[in-house]
Structures are given as structure tokens and as C-alpha cells.
């Protein structure tokens, strides 16, 4: 969808021309803020913890506890980011 604007131009010899200018409508773009450095650091730390997750034969429940803690922290961060 384009917006058309018509303009009449009068020539020096008495003639006139109709000129049509077409433009695209402007979209409103919401600026994206740069991520907070503390947020980036927290996400890096959580990613590191996820990479280190393993199931131990001595304490298999620890894996599920750690996974639940990481998931809860990610949910808190997501809640803080939402507008």
C-alpha cells in the first residue's frame, strides 16, 4: 500500500504537468534497548551451569535439583525483561 500525493507543476510556456509522488507508509519501530550487562552476565553464568549439568551415580537427584534451580532463574529473568 503506497500513499500517493499529486502536485501540479506549471511550465514556463504555460503548460502544466501533474506529478504523482508515491511513498510507502512509515512503520513505527520500537527501539530495542541494549541488554543490561548484568543480564548478559547472568545468562552467561546460567549457560555455563547448563553445560556442566551431569547425572551423578552417587547423587542422581542433584541433577534434577540443579535443573529446577536454573529453570526458575530463567523464569525470573524472563519476567524481569517483559514489558
PDB file of N, CA and C in Angstrom:
ATOM      1  N   UNK A   1       0.853  -1.171   0.000  1.00  0.00           N
ATOM      2  CA  UNK A   1       0.000   0.000   0.000  1.00  0.00           C
ATOM      3  C   UNK A   1       0.893   1.227   0.000  1.00  0.00           C
ATOM      4  N   UNK A   2       0.729   2.061  -0.995  1.00  0.00           N
ATOM      5  CA  UNK A   2       1.529   3.280  -1.045  1.00  0.00           C
ATOM      6  C   UNK A   2       0.611   4.491  -0.943  1.00  0.00           C
ATOM      7  N   UNK A   3       1.178   5.560  -0.468  1.00  0.00           N
ATOM      8  CA  UNK A   3       0.453   6.822  -0.372  1.00  0.00           C
ATOM      9  C   UNK A   3       0.832   7.661  -1.580  1.00  0.00           C
ATOM     10  N   UNK A   4      -0.167   8.190  -2.283  1.00  0.00           N
ATOM     11  CA  UNK A   4       0.105   8.987  -3.472  1.00  0.00           C
ATOM     12  C   UNK A   4      -0.257  10.439  -3.203  1.00  0.00           C
ATOM     13  N   UNK A   5       0.632  11.324  -3.626  1.00  0.00           N
ATOM     14  CA  UNK A   5       0.385  12.756  -3.494  1.00  0.00           C
ATOM     15  C   UNK A   5       0.559  13.362  -4.888  1.00  0.00           C
ATOM     16  N   UNK A   6      -0.466  14.061  -5.337  1.00  0.00           N
ATOM     17  CA  UNK A   6      -0.412  14.670  -6.665  1.00  0.00           C
ATOM     18  C   UNK A   6      -0.118  16.152  -6.545  1.00  0.00           C
ATOM     19  N   UNK A   7       0.783  16.613  -7.405  1.00  0.00           N
ATOM     20  CA  UNK A   7       1.168  18.015  -7.445  1.00  0.00           C
ATOM     21  C   UNK A   7       1.120  18.478  -8.898  1.00  0.00           C
ATOM     22  N   UNK A   8       0.607  19.664  -9.107  1.00  0.00           N
ATOM     23  CA  UNK A   8       0.572  20.230 -10.456  1.00  0.00           C
ATOM     24  C   UNK A   8       1.721  21.210 -10.603  1.00  0.00           C
ATOM     25  N   UNK A   9       2.517  21.003 -11.642  1.00  0.00           N
ATOM     26  CA  UNK A   9       3.654  21.881 -11.921  1.00  0.00           C
ATOM     27  C   UNK A   9       3.323  22.677 -13.185  1.00  0.00           C
ATOM     28  N   UNK A  10       3.452  23.991 -13.075  1.00  0.00           N
ATOM     29  CA  UNK A  10       3.182  24.865 -14.217  1.00  0.00           C
ATOM     30  C   UNK A  10       4.507  25.128 -14.924  1.00  0.00           C
ATOM     31  N   UNK A  11       4.534  24.835 -16.213  1.00  0.00           N
ATOM     32  CA  UNK A  11       5.749  25.019 -17.001  1.00  0.00           C
ATOM     33  C   UNK A  11       5.877  26.477 -17.433  1.00  0.00           C
ATOM     34  N   UNK A  12       7.068  26.863 -17.865  1.00  0.00           N
ATOM     35  CA  UNK A  12       7.345  28.246 -18.264  1.00  0.00           C
ATOM     36  C   UNK A  12       6.533  28.655 -19.485  1.00  0.00           C
ATOM     37  N   UNK A  13       6.192  27.737 -20.345  1.00  0.00           N
ATOM     38  CA  UNK A  13       5.458  28.059 -21.567  1.00  0.00           C
ATOM     39  C   UNK A  13       3.945  27.987 -21.380  1.00  0.00           C
ATOM     40  N   UNK A  14       3.492  27.894 -20.162  1.00  0.00           N
ATOM     41  CA  UNK A  14       2.053  27.901 -19.911  1.00  0.00           C
ATOM     42  C   UNK A  14       1.433  26.527 -19.738  1.00  0.00           C
ATOM     43  N   UNK A  15       2.148  25.484 -20.046  1.00  0.00           N
ATOM     44  CA  UNK A  15       1.609  24.131 -19.869  1.00  0.00           C
ATOM     45  C   UNK A  15       1.693  23.707 -18.405  1.00  0.00           C
ATOM     46  N   UNK A  16       0.965  22.705 -18.061  1.00  0.00           N
ATOM     47  CA  UNK A  16       1.037  22.198 -16.692  1.00  0.00           C
ATOM     48  C   UNK A  16       1.150  20.673 -16.717  1.00  0.00           C
ATOM     49  N   UNK A  17       1.805  20.157 -15.729  1.00  0.00           N
ATOM     50  CA  UNK A  17       2.020  18.719 -15.608  1.00  0.00           C
ATOM     51  C   UNK A  17       1.566  18.270 -14.220  1.00  0.00           C
ATOM     52  N   UNK A  18       0.930  17.131 -14.188  1.00  0.00           N
ATOM     53  CA  UNK A  18       0.542  16.553 -12.907  1.00  0.00           C
ATOM     54  C   UNK A  18       1.586  15.501 -12.554  1.00  0.00           C
ATOM     55  N   UNK A  19       2.182  15.690 -11.414  1.00  0.00           N
ATOM     56  CA  UNK A  19       3.212  14.761 -10.946  1.00  0.00           C
ATOM     57  C   UNK A  19       2.658  14.020  -9.743  1.00  0.00           C
ATOM     58  N   UNK A  20       2.852  12.719  -9.743  1.00  0.00           N
ATOM     59  CA  UNK A  20       2.374  11.907  -8.621  1.00  0.00           C
ATOM     60  C   UNK A  20       3.572  11.325  -7.881  1.00  0.00           C
ATOM     61  N   UNK A  21       3.640  11.640  -6.621  1.00  0.00           N
ATOM     62  CA  UNK A  21       4.729  11.116  -5.788  1.00  0.00           C
ATOM     63  C   UNK A  21       4.152   9.990  -4.940  1.00  0.00           C
ATOM     64  N   UNK A  22       4.798   8.859  -4.995  1.00  0.00           N
ATOM     65  CA  UNK A  22       4.342   7.717  -4.207  1.00  0.00           C
ATOM     66  C   UNK A  22       5.346   7.426  -3.102  1.00  0.00           C
ATOM     67  N   UNK A  23       4.823   7.260  -1.926  1.00  0.00           N
ATOM     68  CA  UNK A  23       5.684   6.932  -0.790  1.00  0.00           C
ATOM     69  C   UNK A  23       5.075   5.765  -0.029  1.00  0.00           C
ATOM     70  N   UNK A  24       5.916   5.030   0.620  1.00  0.00           N
ATOM     71  CA  UNK A  24       5.456   3.936   1.463  1.00  0.00           C
ATOM     72  C   UNK A  24       5.122   4.496   2.838  1.00  0.00           C
ATOM     73  N   UNK A  25       4.079   3.995   3.477  1.00  0.00           N
ATOM     74  CA  UNK A  25       3.757   4.481   4.819  1.00  0.00           C
ATOM     75  C   UNK A  25       4.868   4.121   5.799  1.00  0.00           C
ATOM     76  N   UNK A  26       5.113   5.003   6.724  1.00  0.00           N
ATOM     77  CA  UNK A  26       6.152   4.770   7.724  1.00  0.00           C
ATOM     78  C   UNK A  26       5.637   3.815   8.781  1.00  0.00           C
ATOM     79  N   UNK A  27       6.467   2.869   9.132  1.00  0.00           N
ATOM     80  CA  UNK A  27       6.117   1.948  10.208  1.00  0.00           C
ATOM     81  C   UNK A  27       6.733   2.447  11.495  1.00  0.00           C
ATOM     82  N   UNK A  28       5.974   2.303  12.549  1.00  0.00           N
ATOM     83  CA  UNK A  28       6.506   2.683  13.854  1.00  0.00           C
ATOM     84  C   UNK A  28       7.348   1.523  14.373  1.00  0.00           C
ATOM     85  N   UNK A  29       8.608   1.778  14.581  1.00  0.00           N
ATOM     86  CA  UNK A  29       9.522   0.750  15.071  1.00  0.00           C
ATOM     87  C   UNK A  29       9.897   1.103  16.499  1.00  0.00           C
ATOM     88  N   UNK A  30       9.673   0.167  17.385  1.00  0.00           N
ATOM     89  CA  UNK A  30      10.031   0.379  18.781  1.00  0.00           C
ATOM     90  C   UNK A  30      11.526   0.151  18.936  1.00  0.00           C
ATOM     91  N   UNK A  31      12.248   1.119  19.469  1.00  0.00           N
ATOM     92  CA  UNK A  31      13.688   0.924  19.627  1.00  0.00           C
ATOM     93  C   UNK A  31      13.970  -0.173  20.644  1.00  0.00           C
ATOM     94  N   UNK A  32      14.963  -0.986  20.316  1.00  0.00           N
ATOM     95  CA  UNK A  32      15.361  -2.072  21.207  1.00  0.00           C
ATOM     96  C   UNK A  32      16.529  -1.585  22.044  1.00  0.00           C
ATOM     97  N   UNK A  33      16.359  -1.660  23.340  1.00  0.00           N
ATOM     98  CA  UNK A  33      17.436  -1.241  24.228  1.00  0.00           C
ATOM     99  C   UNK A  33      18.525  -2.292  24.247  1.00  0.00           C
ATOM    100  N   UNK A  34      19.737  -1.837  24.444  1.00  0.00           N
ATOM    101  CA  UNK A  34      20.835  -2.787  24.587  1.00  0.00           C
ATOM    102  C   UNK A  34      20.637  -3.581  25.868  1.00  0.00           C
ATOM    103  N   UNK A  35      20.974  -4.864  25.823  1.00  0.00           N
ATOM    104  CA  UNK A  35      20.799  -5.648  27.039  1.00  0.00           C
ATOM    105  C   UNK A  35      21.706  -5.150  28.151  1.00  0.00           C
ATOM    106  N   UNK A  36      21.179  -5.207  29.337  1.00  0.00           N
ATOM    107  CA  UNK A  36      21.933  -4.805  30.510  1.00  0.00           C
ATOM    108  C   UNK A  36      23.106  -5.767  30.696  1.00  0.00           C
ATOM    109  N   UNK A  37      24.256  -5.242  31.070  1.00  0.00           N
ATOM    110  CA  UNK A  37      25.434  -6.103  31.236  1.00  0.00           C
ATOM    111  C   UNK A  37      25.235  -7.131  32.332  1.00  0.00           C
ATOM    112  N   UNK A  38      24.494  -6.768  33.373  1.00  0.00           N
ATOM    113  CA  UNK A  38      24.255  -7.745  34.433  1.00  0.00           C
ATOM    114  C   UNK A  38      23.373  -8.877  33.917  1.00  0.00           C
ATOM    115  N   UNK A  39      22.424  -8.557  33.036  1.00  0.00           N
ATOM    116  CA  UNK A  39      21.580  -9.587  32.447  1.00  0.00           C
ATOM    117  C   UNK A  39      22.415 -10.525  31.587  1.00  0.00           C
ATOM    118  N   UNK A  40      23.297  -9.962  30.783  1.00  0.00           N
ATOM    119  CA  UNK A  40      24.164 -10.777  29.935  1.00  0.00           C
ATOM    120  C   UNK A  40      25.050 -11.668  30.794  1.00  0.00           C
ATOM    121  N   UNK A  41      25.579 -11.124  31.864  1.00  0.00           N
ATOM    122  CA  UNK A  41      26.434 -11.912  32.756  1.00  0.00           C
ATOM    123  C   UNK A  41      25.643 -13.049  33.401  1.00  0.00           C
ATOM    124  N   UNK A  42      24.410 -12.775  33.812  1.00  0.00           N
ATOM    125  CA  UNK A  42      23.581 -13.824  34.415  1.00  0.00           C
ATOM    126  C   UNK A  42      23.266 -14.919  33.409  1.00  0.00           C
ATOM    127  N   UNK A  43      22.951 -14.526  32.171  1.00  0.00           N
ATOM    128  CA  UNK A  43      22.658 -15.525  31.143  1.00  0.00           C
ATOM    129  C   UNK A  43      23.890 -16.361  30.815  1.00  0.00           C
ATOM    130  N   UNK A  44      25.057 -15.737  30.760  1.00  0.00           N
ATOM    131  CA  UNK A  44      26.299 -16.485  30.536  1.00  0.00           C
ATOM    132  C   UNK A  44      26.549 -17.481  31.658  1.00  0.00           C
ATOM    133  N   UNK A  45      26.300 -17.044  32.883  1.00  0.00           N
ATOM    134  CA  UNK A  45      26.511 -17.926  34.034  1.00  0.00           C
ATOM    135  C   UNK A  45      25.538 -19.098  33.996  1.00  0.00           C
ATOM    136  N   UNK A  46      24.280 -18.839  33.631  1.00  0.00           N
ATOM    137  CA  UNK A  46      23.300 -19.920  33.532  1.00  0.00           C
ATOM    138  C   UNK A  46      23.650 -20.887  32.403  1.00  0.00           C
ATOM    139  N   UNK A  47      24.124 -20.368  31.288  1.00  0.00           N
ATOM    140  CA  UNK A  47      24.543 -21.235  30.181  1.00  0.00           C
ATOM    141  C   UNK A  47      25.702 -22.126  30.605  1.00  0.00           C
ATOM    142  N   UNK A  48      26.617 -21.575  31.367  1.00  0.00           N
ATOM    143  CA  UNK A  48      27.742 -22.363  31.873  1.00  0.00           C
ATOM    144  C   UNK A  48      27.251 -23.471  32.800  1.00  0.00           C
ATOM    145  N   UNK A  49      26.295 -23.145  33.656  1.00  0.00           N
ATOM    146  CA  UNK A  49      25.744 -24.156  34.567  1.00  0.00           C
ATOM    147  C   UNK A  49      25.021 -25.261  33.802  1.00  0.00           C
ATOM    148  N   UNK A  50      24.330 -24.903  32.724  1.00  0.00           N
ATOM    149  CA  UNK A  50      23.639 -25.910  31.912  1.00  0.00           C
ATOM    150  C   UNK A  50      24.651 -26.839  31.250  1.00  0.00           C
ATOM    151  N   UNK A  51      25.745 -26.279  30.741  1.00  0.00           N
ATOM    152  CA  UNK A  51      26.774 -27.106  30.105  1.00  0.00           C
ATOM    153  C   UNK A  51      27.394 -28.099  31.086  1.00  0.00           C
ATOM    154  N   UNK A  52      27.469 -27.721  32.356  1.00  0.00           N
ATOM    155  CA  UNK A  52      28.096 -28.592  33.355  1.00  0.00           C
ATOM    156  C   UNK A  52      27.140 -29.606  33.971  1.00  0.00           C
ATOM    157  N   UNK A  53      25.860 -29.541  33.628  1.00  0.00           N
ATOM    158  CA  UNK A  53      24.897 -30.470  34.217  1.00  0.00           C
ATOM    159  C   UNK A  53      25.197 -31.909  33.800  1.00  0.00           C
ATOM    160  N   UNK A  54      25.338 -32.775  34.776  1.00  0.00           N
ATOM    161  CA  UNK A  54      25.513 -34.208  34.526  1.00  0.00           C
ATOM    162  C   UNK A  54      24.776 -34.976  35.614  1.00  0.00           C
ATOM    163  N   UNK A  55      24.419 -36.206  35.292  1.00  0.00           N
ATOM    164  CA  UNK A  55      23.785 -37.069  36.292  1.00  0.00           C
ATOM    165  C   UNK A  55      24.883 -37.886  36.949  1.00  0.00           C
ATOM    166  N   UNK A  56      24.974 -37.753  38.240  1.00  0.00           N
ATOM    167  CA  UNK A  56      25.993 -38.466  39.007  1.00  0.00           C
ATOM    168  C   UNK A  56      25.410 -39.772  39.537  1.00  0.00           C
ATOM    169  N   UNK A  57      26.222 -40.800  39.564  1.00  0.00           N
ATOM    170  CA  UNK A  57      25.749 -42.077  40.113  1.00  0.00           C
ATOM    171  C   UNK A  57      25.636 -42.019  41.632  1.00  0.00           C
ATOM    172  N   UNK A  58      26.422 -41.130  42.251  1.00  0.00           N
ATOM    173  CA  UNK A  58      26.362 -41.002  43.713  1.00  0.00           C
ATOM    174  C   UNK A  58      25.165 -40.180  44.177  1.00  0.00           C
ATOM    175  N   UNK A  59      24.774 -39.170  43.384  1.00  0.00           N
ATOM    176  CA  UNK A  59      23.664 -38.293  43.786  1.00  0.00           C
ATOM    177  C   UNK A  59      22.829 -37.929  42.551  1.00  0.00           C
ATOM    178  N   UNK A  60      22.027 -38.884  42.056  1.00  0.00           N
ATOM    179  CA  UNK A  60      21.273 -38.616  40.822  1.00  0.00           C
ATOM    180  C   UNK A  60      20.213 -37.524  40.977  1.00  0.00           C
ATOM    181  N   UNK A  61      19.718 -37.300  42.185  1.00  0.00           N
ATOM    182  CA  UNK A  61      18.693 -36.276  42.388  1.00  0.00           C
ATOM    183  C   UNK A  61      19.253 -34.867  42.248  1.00  0.00           C
ATOM    184  N   UNK A  62      20.537 -34.724  42.422  1.00  0.00           N
ATOM    185  CA  UNK A  62      21.183 -33.404  42.328  1.00  0.00           C
ATOM    186  C   UNK A  62      20.973 -32.782  40.941  1.00  0.00           C
ATOM    187  N   UNK A  63      21.037 -33.615  39.897  1.00  0.00           N
ATOM    188  CA  UNK A  63      20.820 -33.134  38.532  1.00  0.00           C
ATOM    189  C   UNK A  63      19.463 -32.444  38.419  1.00  0.00           C
ATOM    190  N   UNK A  64      18.422 -33.089  38.930  1.00  0.00           N
ATOM    191  CA  UNK A  64      17.071 -32.550  38.814  1.00  0.00           C
ATOM    192  C   UNK A  64      16.889 -31.301  39.675  1.00  0.00           C
ATOM    193  N   UNK A  65      17.555 -31.256  40.817  1.00  0.00           N
ATOM    194  CA  UNK A  65      17.503 -30.062  41.664  1.00  0.00           C
ATOM    195  C   UNK A  65      18.176 -28.883  40.966  1.00  0.00           C
ATOM    196  N   UNK A  66      19.365 -29.134  40.405  1.00  0.00           N
ATOM    197  CA  UNK A  66      20.084 -28.064  39.695  1.00  0.00           C
ATOM    198  C   UNK A  66      19.294 -27.585  38.480  1.00  0.00           C
ATOM    199  N   UNK A  67      18.713 -28.539  37.757  1.00  0.00           N
ATOM    200  CA  UNK A  67      17.931 -28.178  36.575  1.00  0.00           C
ATOM    201  C   UNK A  67      16.738 -27.309  36.967  1.00  0.00           C
ATOM    202  N   UNK A  68      16.071 -27.648  38.055  1.00  0.00           N
ATOM    203  CA  UNK A  68      14.929 -26.860  38.520  1.00  0.00           C
ATOM    204  C   UNK A  68      15.352 -25.463  38.953  1.00  0.00           C
ATOM    205  N   UNK A  69      16.508 -25.348  39.604  1.00  0.00           N
ATOM    206  CA  UNK A  69      17.016 -24.033  40.017  1.00  0.00           C
ATOM    207  C   UNK A  69      17.328 -23.162  38.806  1.00  0.00           C
ATOM    208  N   UNK A  70      17.942 -23.753  37.789  1.00  0.00           N
ATOM    209  CA  UNK A  70      18.279 -22.999  36.573  1.00  0.00           C
ATOM    210  C   UNK A  70      16.997 -22.557  35.862  1.00  0.00           C
ATOM    211  N   UNK A  71      16.022 -23.453  35.763  1.00  0.00           N
ATOM    212  CA  UNK A  71      14.751 -23.104  35.112  1.00  0.00           C
ATOM    213  C   UNK A  71      14.047 -21.975  35.859  1.00  0.00           C
ATOM    214  N   UNK A  72      14.073 -22.025  37.187  1.00  0.00           N
ATOM    215  CA  UNK A  72      13.441 -20.964  37.980  1.00  0.00           C
ATOM    216  C   UNK A  72      14.150 -19.630  37.776  1.00  0.00           C
ATOM    217  N   UNK A  73      15.464 -19.646  37.717  1.00  0.00           N
ATOM    218  CA  UNK A  73      16.226 -18.410  37.493  1.00  0.00           C
ATOM    219  C   UNK A  73      15.930 -17.837  36.105  1.00  0.00           C
ATOM    220  N   UNK A  74      15.834 -18.703  35.096  1.00  0.00           N
ATOM    221  CA  UNK A  74      15.490 -18.240  33.747  1.00  0.00           C
ATOM    222  C   UNK A  74      14.089 -17.626  33.717  1.00  0.00           C
ATOM    223  N   UNK A  75      13.157 -18.213  34.438  1.00  0.00           N
ATOM    224  CA  UNK A  75      11.809 -17.647  34.502  1.00  0.00           C
ATOM    225  C   UNK A  75      11.812 -16.288  35.187  1.00  0.00           C
ATOM    226  N   UNK A  76      12.615 -16.124  36.234  1.00  0.00           N
ATOM    227  CA  UNK A  76      12.716 -14.820  36.904  1.00  0.00           C
ATOM    228  C   UNK A  76      13.291 -13.772  35.956  1.00  0.00           C
ATOM    229  N   UNK A  77      14.324 -14.146  35.208  1.00  0.00           N
ATOM    230  CA  UNK A  77      14.919 -13.203  34.252  1.00  0.00           C
ATOM    231  C   UNK A  77      13.920 -12.839  33.153  1.00  0.00           C
ATOM    232  N   UNK A  78      13.198 -13.826  32.649  1.00  0.00           N
ATOM    233  CA  UNK A  78      12.202 -13.560  31.602  1.00  0.00           C
ATOM    234  C   UNK A  78      11.104 -12.641  32.127  1.00  0.00           C
ATOM    235  N   UNK A  79      10.692 -12.833  33.361  1.00  0.00           N
ATOM    236  CA  UNK A  79       9.675 -11.966  33.957  1.00  0.00           C
ATOM    237  C   UNK A  79      10.163 -10.542  34.133  1.00  0.00           C
ATOM    238  N   UNK A  80      11.447 -10.385  34.438  1.00  0.00           N
ATOM    239  CA  UNK A  80      12.019  -9.046  34.614  1.00  0.00           C
ATOM    240  C   UNK A  80      12.150  -8.315  33.281  1.00  0.00           C
ATOM    241  N   UNK A  81      12.325  -9.055  32.196  1.00  0.00           N
ATOM    242  CA  UNK A  81      12.521  -8.446  30.880  1.00  0.00           C
ATOM    243  C   UNK A  81      11.194  -8.020  30.268  1.00  0.00           C
ATOM    244  N   UNK A  82      10.123  -8.763  30.510  1.00  0.00           N
ATOM    245  CA  UNK A  82       8.839  -8.476  29.879  1.00  0.00           C
ATOM    246  C   UNK A  82       8.364  -7.078  30.238  1.00  0.00           C
ATOM    247  N   UNK A  83       7.812  -6.439  29.223  1.00  0.00           N
ATOM    248  CA  UNK A  83       7.332  -5.067  29.397  1.00  0.00           C
ATOM    249  C   UNK A  83       5.904  -5.070  29.845  1.00  0.00           C
TER     250      UNK A  83
END
